[in-house]
Amino acid sequence: MNLAAIPFPDISPEIFSIEIGSLTFALRWYALAYIAGLLLGWQLCVRLIRNVEFWRDQTPPMTSLQLEQLLNWVVVGVILGGRLGFVLFYQPDYYLARPLEILKVWQGGMSFHGGFLGVSVAALVFALRNRLEILGLADLLALSAPIGLLLGRVANFINAELWGRPTTLPWGVVFPGEAAQSCAGAIGLCARHPSQIYEAALEGLVLGAVLLTLALRRKWLHSPGALTGMFLAGYGSARFLVEFVRQPDMQFVTEENPIGHALHFGTGGLTMGQILSLPMILTGVALIWWVRSDRANRKPKKHVEVG
């Protein structure tokens, strides 16, 4: 037992609940995180669109009205993609045997990588239908995404879910329920890495600050696609690192595989989160290189005097 561990704060997952007859309606922190993340991200995008000097040729990728329409597409993409991603990436056998359970989103089970793919598809279809610049629109979404990631990871902590591996570090947290009892060889309650807070800091605060600095001070919005590449590489790297201290998904854990590797390399391997993050890192680095080198190698037009 870690005597210096931090006890889990007494925070209810529900902000409030209302009973109407035999029905109970509750607002949970996780739902509020989704709502607040979408609304705050939308407001950030509105401000960026209105400041035309941030954009190449002073031309934002869309109008404020088109942004409002896109918000509806993003909501659908997040929910459908996040749920289907969790089903396909993490528990396909369970949900194939119980297909009706897929519809029960309120019971939990969302995947960021699935939600990312869902939003990407929704934004791509919207851009093609409205003949918008795809990379510029992607940069706009990339700038707003860290807000939702920050709030979502904090909500994961409040829900006492997605906790980390056991630790003896002084900031280890004794999570309630199964988390406190399932440390192999531990005497008494065991402390775990608050991996949700690590991710909130890296994916939300740090990545968000980097993206805003590049956009507002380094004029990366003048190179459409560069910020999208930085988001992909930054999120993928942060998630890849945190996976080393995050509790593995239980469907991958066995006596022969206590680390929860989904892909093995001898005695080592990668978790499912790391496997899904690698393509993001590689794509992000390649996109930054392609966009920045293309701009650097583009020859300026010669000035021709007429007279």
Protein backbone atom coordinates (compact mmCIF):
# COMPACT_ATOMS: atom_id res chain seq x y z
CA MET A 1 0.00 0.00 0.00
CA ASN A 2 1.23 3.52 -0.85
CA LEU A 3 0.96 5.53 2.36
CA ALA A 4 1.50 8.80 0.48
CA ALA A 5 -1.34 8.13 -1.96
CA ILE A 6 -4.14 10.64 -2.55
CA PRO A 7 -7.66 9.47 -1.68
CA PHE A 8 -10.17 9.84 -4.50
CA PRO A 9 -12.23 13.03 -4.07
CA ASP A 10 -15.88 12.56 -3.15
CA ILE A 11 -17.43 13.80 -6.41
CA SER A 12 -20.64 12.33 -7.73
CA PRO A 13 -20.68 11.45 -11.46
CA GLU A 14 -24.10 13.14 -11.55
CA ILE A 15 -24.33 16.92 -11.30
CA PHE A 16 -28.04 16.72 -10.49
CA SER A 17 -31.02 14.48 -11.15
CA ILE A 18 -34.74 15.12 -11.51
CA GLU A 19 -37.48 12.57 -10.88
CA ILE A 20 -40.65 12.85 -12.93
CA GLY A 21 -43.03 10.11 -11.91
CA SER A 22 -41.24 6.80 -12.31
CA LEU A 23 -38.57 8.32 -14.58
CA THR A 24 -35.27 9.85 -13.45
CA PHE A 25 -33.36 12.31 -15.60
CA ALA A 26 -29.75 13.05 -14.64
CA LEU A 27 -27.07 15.37 -15.97
CA ARG A 28 -23.69 13.69 -15.70
CA TRP A 29 -20.27 15.35 -15.81
CA TYR A 30 -19.38 13.25 -18.86
CA ALA A 31 -22.37 14.53 -20.83
CA LEU A 32 -21.62 18.10 -19.74
CA ALA A 33 -18.02 17.68 -20.93
CA TYR A 34 -19.25 16.72 -24.41
CA ILE A 35 -21.72 19.62 -24.54
CA ALA A 36 -19.29 22.22 -23.17
CA GLY A 37 -16.46 20.98 -25.39
CA LEU A 38 -18.57 21.31 -28.54
CA LEU A 39 -19.92 24.75 -27.60
CA LEU A 40 -16.57 26.20 -26.51
CA GLY A 41 -14.85 24.74 -29.57
CA TRP A 42 -17.55 26.25 -31.77
CA GLN A 43 -17.06 29.70 -30.16
CA LEU A 44 -13.30 29.50 -30.72
CA CYS A 45 -13.88 28.67 -34.38
CA VAL A 46 -16.28 31.63 -34.72
CA ARG A 47 -13.64 34.01 -33.38
CA LEU A 48 -10.98 32.60 -35.70
CA ILE A 49 -13.23 32.93 -38.74
CA ARG A 50 -14.04 36.54 -37.93
CA ASN A 51 -10.32 37.44 -37.72
CA VAL A 52 -9.49 37.11 -41.40
CA GLU A 53 -5.86 38.16 -40.92
CA PHE A 54 -5.10 34.73 -39.46
CA TRP A 55 -5.87 33.04 -42.79
CA ARG A 56 -4.03 32.76 -46.07
CA ASP A 57 -5.15 35.51 -48.46
CA GLN A 58 -7.39 36.70 -45.59
CA THR A 59 -9.91 34.03 -46.58
CA PRO A 60 -11.32 31.73 -43.85
CA PRO A 61 -12.27 28.23 -45.00
CA MET A 62 -15.99 28.77 -44.27
CA THR A 63 -18.57 31.29 -43.11
CA SER A 64 -20.09 31.50 -39.63
CA LEU A 65 -23.38 30.13 -41.00
CA GLN A 66 -21.61 27.13 -42.53
CA LEU A 67 -19.85 26.56 -39.19
CA GLU A 68 -23.22 26.35 -37.43
CA GLN A 69 -24.37 23.76 -39.97
CA LEU A 70 -21.12 21.80 -39.55
CA LEU A 71 -21.68 21.62 -35.77
CA ASN A 72 -24.66 19.30 -36.29
CA TRP A 73 -22.54 17.01 -38.48
CA VAL A 74 -19.76 16.96 -35.89
CA VAL A 75 -22.17 15.95 -33.09
CA VAL A 76 -23.40 12.99 -35.13
CA GLY A 77 -19.83 12.05 -36.11
CA VAL A 78 -18.61 12.11 -32.50
CA ILE A 79 -21.43 9.94 -31.17
CA LEU A 80 -21.61 7.40 -33.98
CA GLY A 81 -17.87 7.20 -34.55
CA GLY A 82 -17.01 7.07 -30.86
CA ARG A 83 -19.49 4.30 -30.16
CA LEU A 84 -18.73 2.19 -33.23
CA GLY A 85 -15.01 2.64 -32.63
CA PHE A 86 -15.35 1.26 -29.11
CA VAL A 87 -17.41 -1.67 -30.39
CA LEU A 88 -15.02 -2.58 -33.22
CA PHE A 89 -11.65 -1.79 -31.60
CA TYR A 90 -12.19 -2.99 -28.05
CA GLN A 91 -15.12 -5.41 -27.63
CA PRO A 92 -16.19 -6.76 -31.05
CA ASP A 93 -17.00 -10.28 -29.82
CA TYR A 94 -19.20 -9.03 -26.99
CA TYR A 95 -21.27 -6.71 -29.20
CA LEU A 96 -21.52 -9.12 -32.12
CA ALA A 97 -23.23 -11.52 -29.71
CA ARG A 98 -25.42 -8.68 -28.32
CA PRO A 99 -26.03 -6.22 -31.20
CA LEU A 100 -28.82 -4.36 -29.39
CA GLU A 101 -26.30 -3.36 -26.71
CA ILE A 102 -24.55 -1.17 -29.30
CA LEU A 103 -27.43 1.31 -29.09
CA LYS A 104 -27.09 1.77 -25.32
CA VAL A 105 -24.64 4.68 -25.47
CA TRP A 106 -25.75 5.92 -22.04
CA GLN A 107 -24.14 2.86 -20.45
CA GLY A 108 -20.68 4.12 -21.48
CA GLY A 109 -18.13 2.91 -23.97
CA MET A 110 -16.72 5.52 -26.37
CA SER A 111 -13.45 5.52 -28.29
CA PHE A 112 -11.56 8.72 -29.10
CA HIS A 113 -10.02 7.19 -32.21
CA GLY A 114 -13.48 6.13 -33.38
CA GLY A 115 -14.89 9.57 -32.63
CA PHE A 116 -11.99 11.14 -34.52
CA LEU A 117 -12.74 9.00 -37.58
CA GLY A 118 -16.44 9.82 -37.30
CA VAL A 119 -15.78 13.57 -37.20
CA SER A 120 -13.27 13.28 -40.05
CA VAL A 121 -15.79 11.53 -42.30
CA ALA A 122 -18.56 13.99 -41.37
CA ALA A 123 -16.31 17.02 -42.00
CA LEU A 124 -15.04 15.58 -45.31
CA VAL A 125 -18.56 14.96 -46.63
CA PHE A 126 -19.65 18.43 -45.48
CA ALA A 127 -16.65 20.06 -47.15
CA LEU A 128 -17.23 18.24 -50.44
CA ARG A 129 -20.94 19.05 -50.47
CA ASN A 130 -20.26 22.74 -49.83
CA ARG A 131 -17.07 22.95 -51.93
CA LEU A 132 -14.95 24.08 -48.99
CA GLU A 133 -11.17 23.89 -48.62
CA ILE A 134 -10.71 20.58 -46.81
CA LEU A 135 -7.36 21.24 -45.13
CA GLY A 136 -8.39 24.69 -43.91
CA LEU A 137 -11.55 23.25 -42.38
CA ALA A 138 -9.47 20.48 -40.79
CA ASP A 139 -7.17 23.09 -39.22
CA LEU A 140 -10.19 24.81 -37.69
CA LEU A 141 -11.38 21.57 -36.12
CA ALA A 142 -7.86 20.71 -34.92
CA LEU A 143 -7.65 24.00 -33.01
CA SER A 144 -10.92 23.36 -31.19
CA ALA A 145 -10.40 19.65 -30.41
CA PRO A 146 -8.08 20.07 -27.35
CA ILE A 147 -10.89 21.82 -25.46
CA GLY A 148 -13.09 18.73 -25.70
CA LEU A 149 -10.17 16.44 -24.90
CA LEU A 150 -9.34 18.41 -21.75
CA LEU A 151 -12.92 18.39 -20.47
CA GLY A 152 -13.51 14.78 -21.46
CA ARG A 153 -10.46 13.49 -19.60
CA VAL A 154 -11.41 15.45 -16.48
CA ALA A 155 -14.86 13.85 -16.71
CA ASN A 156 -13.17 10.42 -17.00
CA PHE A 157 -11.39 11.18 -13.72
CA ILE A 158 -14.60 12.25 -11.99
CA ASN A 159 -16.24 9.03 -13.21
CA ALA A 160 -13.27 7.06 -11.79
CA GLU A 161 -12.79 5.29 -15.12
CA LEU A 162 -9.84 4.65 -17.45
CA TRP A 163 -7.48 4.76 -14.47
CA GLY A 164 -3.77 4.02 -14.61
CA ARG A 165 -1.52 1.18 -13.57
CA PRO A 166 -0.47 0.71 -9.93
CA THR A 167 2.17 3.15 -8.66
CA THR A 168 4.05 4.05 -5.48
CA LEU A 169 4.52 7.68 -6.54
CA PRO A 170 3.22 10.27 -4.04
CA TRP A 171 0.56 11.54 -6.47
CA GLY A 172 -0.94 8.09 -6.97
CA VAL A 173 -4.71 8.06 -6.45
CA VAL A 174 -6.74 5.39 -4.63
CA PHE A 175 -9.71 5.06 -6.98
CA PRO A 176 -12.91 3.52 -5.61
CA GLY A 177 -14.27 0.05 -6.31
CA GLU A 178 -12.39 -2.51 -8.36
CA ALA A 179 -9.42 -0.20 -8.98
CA ALA A 180 -8.50 -0.16 -5.29
CA GLN A 181 -8.70 -3.94 -4.89
CA SER A 182 -7.14 -5.33 -8.06
CA CYS A 183 -3.43 -4.62 -7.63
CA ALA A 184 -1.53 -7.88 -7.70
CA GLY A 185 0.57 -8.40 -4.56
CA ALA A 186 -0.67 -5.21 -2.89
CA ILE A 187 -1.38 -5.17 0.84
CA GLY A 188 -4.46 -3.07 1.52
CA LEU A 189 -5.74 -0.49 -0.95
CA CYS A 190 -3.56 0.25 -3.93
CA ALA A 191 -2.86 3.58 -5.62
CA ARG A 192 -2.83 4.11 -9.35
CA HIS A 193 -1.54 6.66 -11.84
CA PRO A 194 -4.19 9.34 -12.48
CA SER A 195 -3.73 8.74 -16.21
CA GLN A 196 -6.87 10.73 -17.01
CA ILE A 197 -5.18 13.86 -15.58
CA TYR A 198 -1.98 13.11 -17.50
CA GLU A 199 -4.02 12.97 -20.71
CA ALA A 200 -6.00 16.10 -19.83
CA ALA A 201 -2.72 17.98 -19.38
CA LEU A 202 -0.95 16.64 -22.48
CA GLU A 203 -3.83 16.31 -24.95
CA GLY A 204 -5.73 19.35 -23.70
CA LEU A 205 -3.54 22.03 -22.13
CA VAL A 206 -0.16 21.39 -23.76
CA LEU A 207 -1.40 20.45 -27.22
CA GLY A 208 -3.96 23.26 -27.20
CA ALA A 209 -1.32 25.83 -26.23
CA VAL A 210 1.06 24.61 -28.95
CA LEU A 211 -1.63 24.73 -31.65
CA LEU A 212 -2.83 28.22 -30.67
CA THR A 213 0.74 29.54 -30.56
CA LEU A 214 1.46 28.17 -34.03
CA ALA A 215 -1.82 29.55 -35.37
CA LEU A 216 -1.78 33.02 -33.82
CA ARG A 217 1.93 33.79 -33.58
CA ARG A 218 3.60 31.61 -36.22
CA LYS A 219 0.88 32.03 -38.87
CA TRP A 220 0.55 28.31 -39.53
CA LEU A 221 -3.01 28.90 -40.73
CA HIS A 222 -1.40 30.38 -43.85
CA SER A 223 -0.27 26.81 -44.64
CA PRO A 224 -3.52 24.78 -44.69
CA GLY A 225 -3.02 21.33 -43.24
CA ALA A 226 0.03 22.10 -41.09
CA LEU A 227 -1.97 22.50 -37.87
CA THR A 228 -3.93 19.35 -38.64
CA GLY A 229 -0.63 17.50 -38.94
CA MET A 230 0.57 18.93 -35.64
CA PHE A 231 -2.66 17.87 -33.93
CA LEU A 232 -2.38 14.31 -35.27
CA ALA A 233 1.28 13.99 -34.28
CA GLY A 234 0.77 15.70 -30.92
CA TYR A 235 -2.27 13.73 -29.83
CA GLY A 236 -0.83 10.45 -31.07
CA SER A 237 2.44 11.03 -29.21
CA ALA A 238 0.70 12.05 -25.96
CA ARG A 239 -1.61 9.03 -26.04
CA PHE A 240 1.24 6.67 -26.96
CA LEU A 241 3.26 7.84 -23.92
CA VAL A 242 0.38 7.76 -21.42
CA GLU A 243 -0.47 4.19 -22.48
CA PHE A 244 2.68 3.04 -20.66
CA VAL A 245 1.05 3.97 -17.32
CA ARG A 246 -2.62 3.49 -18.25
CA GLN A 247 -4.43 0.35 -17.13
CA PRO A 248 -4.75 -1.92 -20.19
CA ASP A 249 -8.13 -2.90 -21.55
CA MET A 250 -9.21 -5.96 -19.61
CA GLN A 251 -10.15 -8.01 -22.67
CA PHE A 252 -6.44 -8.10 -23.58
CA VAL A 253 -5.21 -9.03 -20.10
CA THR A 254 -4.44 -12.69 -19.34
CA GLU A 255 -2.06 -14.53 -17.04
CA GLU A 256 0.38 -14.83 -19.95
CA ASN A 257 -0.21 -11.20 -20.99
CA PRO A 258 -0.57 -9.11 -17.77
CA ILE A 259 0.54 -5.92 -19.50
CA GLY A 260 -2.43 -6.06 -21.86
CA HIS A 261 -0.52 -5.97 -25.14
CA ALA A 262 -2.79 -6.18 -28.18
CA LEU A 263 0.24 -6.68 -30.45
CA HIS A 264 3.23 -8.75 -29.29
CA PHE A 265 6.94 -8.46 -30.06
CA GLY A 266 8.60 -11.24 -28.08
CA THR A 267 8.37 -10.16 -24.45
CA GLY A 268 7.23 -6.65 -25.42
CA GLY A 269 4.37 -5.25 -27.40
CA LEU A 270 1.89 -2.44 -27.91
CA THR A 271 -1.47 -1.73 -26.34
CA MET A 272 -4.53 -1.10 -28.52
CA GLY A 273 -4.29 2.62 -27.75
CA GLN A 274 -0.69 2.68 -28.99
CA ILE A 275 -1.54 0.71 -32.12
CA LEU A 276 -4.29 3.19 -33.01
CA SER A 277 -2.04 6.18 -32.22
CA LEU A 278 0.89 5.17 -34.44
CA PRO A 279 -0.91 5.92 -37.75
CA MET A 280 -1.88 9.33 -36.35
CA ILE A 281 1.74 10.15 -35.52
CA LEU A 282 3.06 9.03 -38.91
CA THR A 283 0.28 10.78 -40.83
CA GLY A 284 0.74 13.97 -38.83
CA VAL A 285 4.51 14.13 -39.37
CA ALA A 286 4.10 13.39 -43.09
CA LEU A 287 1.40 16.06 -43.45
CA ILE A 288 3.51 18.73 -41.72
CA TRP A 289 6.51 17.88 -43.90
CA TRP A 290 4.45 17.89 -47.10
CA VAL A 291 2.62 21.16 -46.36
CA ARG A 292 5.61 23.11 -45.07
CA SER A 293 8.03 21.90 -47.74
CA ASP A 294 5.46 22.59 -50.45
CA ARG A 295 5.13 26.16 -49.28
CA ALA A 296 8.90 26.56 -48.90
CA ASN A 297 9.59 25.21 -52.38
CA ARG A 298 6.86 27.24 -54.06
CA LYS A 299 8.50 29.90 -56.22
CA PRO A 300 7.13 33.43 -55.85
CA LYS A 301 5.53 34.94 -58.93
CA LYS A 302 7.75 37.34 -60.86
CA HIS A 303 6.69 40.97 -60.80
CA VAL A 304 6.22 42.28 -64.31
CA GLU A 305 6.06 46.00 -64.85
CA VAL A 306 3.77 47.33 -67.54
CA GLY A 307 4.43 50.69 -69.02
